[in-house]
Amino acid sequence: MNPHTRACIAYVAGRLVSNKSASSVFCYTKSKHMMIDGTVKTNNIDVFDYDRGNHFGGSGNSGKFDLFDYGESYHVELKVSGNKFEGFDYASSNHFSGDVSGGNISLYDYGSGNYHEYGI
């Protein structure tokens, strides 16, 4: 999965679960803040990835979201339940899953076979 898409997913999942507002997500892999900001509601996601200059968002209900990564021009499915999330990235044709604890987000990318850690 594209690292920017992964960061957007972590940002959205982190905000949905924690109910925290944030204007960036910290990527522990890159040791840097990735500037992402926008609307994250239970029925509407519209965020902007300032590093790429692209939107990421879509709509949903009951914790299920159909999102679109405008930088990659592909859909992303995201399902959030409690503090856990999972989904599918159509750009890489791979699943992902993770959990949120406070402001910490752990995302497992089945394509790379690695965990990626973020914070908001």
Protein backbone atom coordinates (compact mmCIF):
# COMPACT_ATOMS: atom_id res chain seq x y z
CA MET A 1 0.00 0.00 0.00
CA ASN A 2 1.16 3.50 -0.75
CA PRO A 3 2.64 5.06 2.45
CA HIS A 4 0.50 8.20 2.01
CA THR A 5 -2.70 6.17 1.67
CA ARG A 6 -1.69 4.20 4.76
CA ALA A 7 -1.14 7.46 6.68
CA CYS A 8 -4.57 8.78 5.59
CA ILE A 9 -6.23 5.56 6.75
CA ALA A 10 -4.43 5.74 10.10
CA TYR A 11 -5.42 9.39 10.49
CA VAL A 12 -9.10 8.75 9.72
CA ALA A 13 -9.33 5.61 11.87
CA GLY A 14 -7.51 7.34 14.72
CA ARG A 15 -9.85 10.32 14.66
CA LEU A 16 -13.00 8.19 14.33
CA VAL A 17 -12.09 5.96 17.28
CA SER A 18 -10.47 8.50 19.61
CA ASN A 19 -12.75 11.46 18.81
CA LYS A 20 -9.61 13.63 18.91
CA SER A 21 -9.08 16.47 16.49
CA ALA A 22 -5.68 16.62 14.81
CA SER A 23 -4.01 18.44 11.94
CA SER A 24 -1.38 15.76 11.34
CA VAL A 25 -0.48 12.17 11.98
CA PHE A 26 2.96 11.19 13.25
CA CYS A 27 4.47 8.30 11.29
CA TYR A 28 6.92 6.42 13.52
CA THR A 29 8.40 4.62 10.49
CA LYS A 30 9.40 7.91 8.86
CA SER A 31 9.85 9.74 12.19
CA LYS A 32 7.89 12.71 10.88
CA HIS A 33 4.55 14.46 11.05
CA MET A 34 2.47 14.05 7.92
CA MET A 35 0.17 17.03 7.50
CA ILE A 36 -3.39 15.76 7.05
CA ASP A 37 -6.46 17.71 8.13
CA GLY A 38 -10.17 17.98 7.46
CA THR A 39 -13.60 16.66 8.35
CA VAL A 40 -13.90 13.26 10.03
CA LYS A 41 -17.48 12.44 11.00
CA THR A 42 -19.36 9.16 11.38
CA ASN A 43 -21.04 9.66 7.99
CA ASN A 44 -18.59 11.89 6.09
CA ILE A 45 -14.82 11.91 5.62
CA ASP A 46 -13.15 14.75 3.73
CA VAL A 47 -9.48 15.24 4.54
CA PHE A 48 -6.57 16.80 2.66
CA ASP A 49 -3.09 15.27 2.54
CA TYR A 50 -0.83 18.33 2.36
CA ASP A 51 2.29 16.27 1.60
CA ARG A 52 0.75 15.06 -1.67
CA GLY A 53 -1.68 17.91 -2.26
CA ASN A 54 -4.64 15.51 -2.61
CA HIS A 55 -8.01 14.79 -1.05
CA PHE A 56 -8.99 11.55 0.66
CA GLY A 57 -12.57 10.92 1.64
CA GLY A 58 -16.04 9.60 1.09
CA SER A 59 -19.17 8.65 2.96
CA GLY A 60 -20.43 5.88 5.14
CA ASN A 61 -22.75 4.72 7.85
CA SER A 62 -22.71 2.17 10.69
CA GLY A 63 -18.90 2.31 10.74
CA LYS A 64 -18.51 1.28 7.08
CA PHE A 65 -16.94 3.78 4.70
CA ASP A 66 -16.40 3.87 0.95
CA LEU A 67 -13.43 6.20 0.57
CA PHE A 68 -11.52 7.47 -2.45
CA ASP A 69 -7.83 8.34 -2.54
CA TYR A 70 -7.63 11.10 -5.15
CA GLY A 71 -3.83 10.84 -5.24
CA GLU A 72 -3.92 7.17 -6.20
CA SER A 73 -7.30 7.32 -8.00
CA TYR A 74 -8.58 4.19 -6.20
CA HIS A 75 -11.21 3.29 -3.67
CA VAL A 76 -10.50 2.21 -0.12
CA GLU A 77 -13.00 0.33 2.03
CA LEU A 78 -12.82 1.02 5.76
CA LYS A 79 -14.81 -0.59 8.55
CA VAL A 80 -14.49 0.65 12.13
CA SER A 81 -15.86 -1.30 15.09
CA GLY A 82 -14.99 -0.27 18.63
CA ASN A 83 -11.27 0.42 18.71
CA LYS A 84 -10.53 -1.88 15.76
CA PHE A 85 -10.58 -1.21 12.02
CA GLU A 86 -10.09 -3.16 8.83
CA GLY A 87 -10.47 -2.69 5.13
CA PHE A 88 -9.28 -3.13 1.59
CA ASP A 89 -7.06 -0.94 -0.57
CA TYR A 90 -7.98 -1.34 -4.24
CA ALA A 91 -4.75 0.31 -5.47
CA SER A 92 -2.61 -2.48 -4.00
CA SER A 93 -5.39 -5.13 -3.92
CA ASN A 94 -4.53 -5.82 -0.28
CA HIS A 95 -6.32 -5.92 3.05
CA PHE A 96 -5.29 -4.00 6.14
CA SER A 97 -6.35 -4.07 9.78
CA GLY A 98 -5.47 -2.31 12.97
CA ASP A 99 -6.47 -0.85 16.29
CA VAL A 100 -6.49 2.48 18.07
CA SER A 101 -5.49 3.00 21.70
CA GLY A 102 -5.79 6.59 22.83
CA GLY A 103 -3.90 8.54 20.18
CA ASN A 104 -1.83 5.56 19.03
CA ILE A 105 -2.73 3.75 15.81
CA SER A 106 -1.27 0.40 14.79
CA LEU A 107 -1.97 -0.63 11.19
CA TYR A 108 -1.06 -3.99 9.68
CA ASP A 109 -0.60 -3.87 5.90
CA TYR A 110 -1.12 -7.37 4.49
CA GLY A 111 0.63 -6.32 1.26
CA SER A 112 3.92 -5.44 2.93
CA GLY A 113 3.46 -7.92 5.77
CA ASN A 114 4.43 -5.23 8.28
CA TYR A 115 2.93 -3.25 11.15
CA HIS A 116 3.05 0.54 10.86
CA GLU A 117 2.67 2.76 13.91
CA TYR A 118 1.15 6.25 13.97
CA GLY A 119 0.09 8.82 16.51
CA ILE A 120 -2.38 11.70 16.55
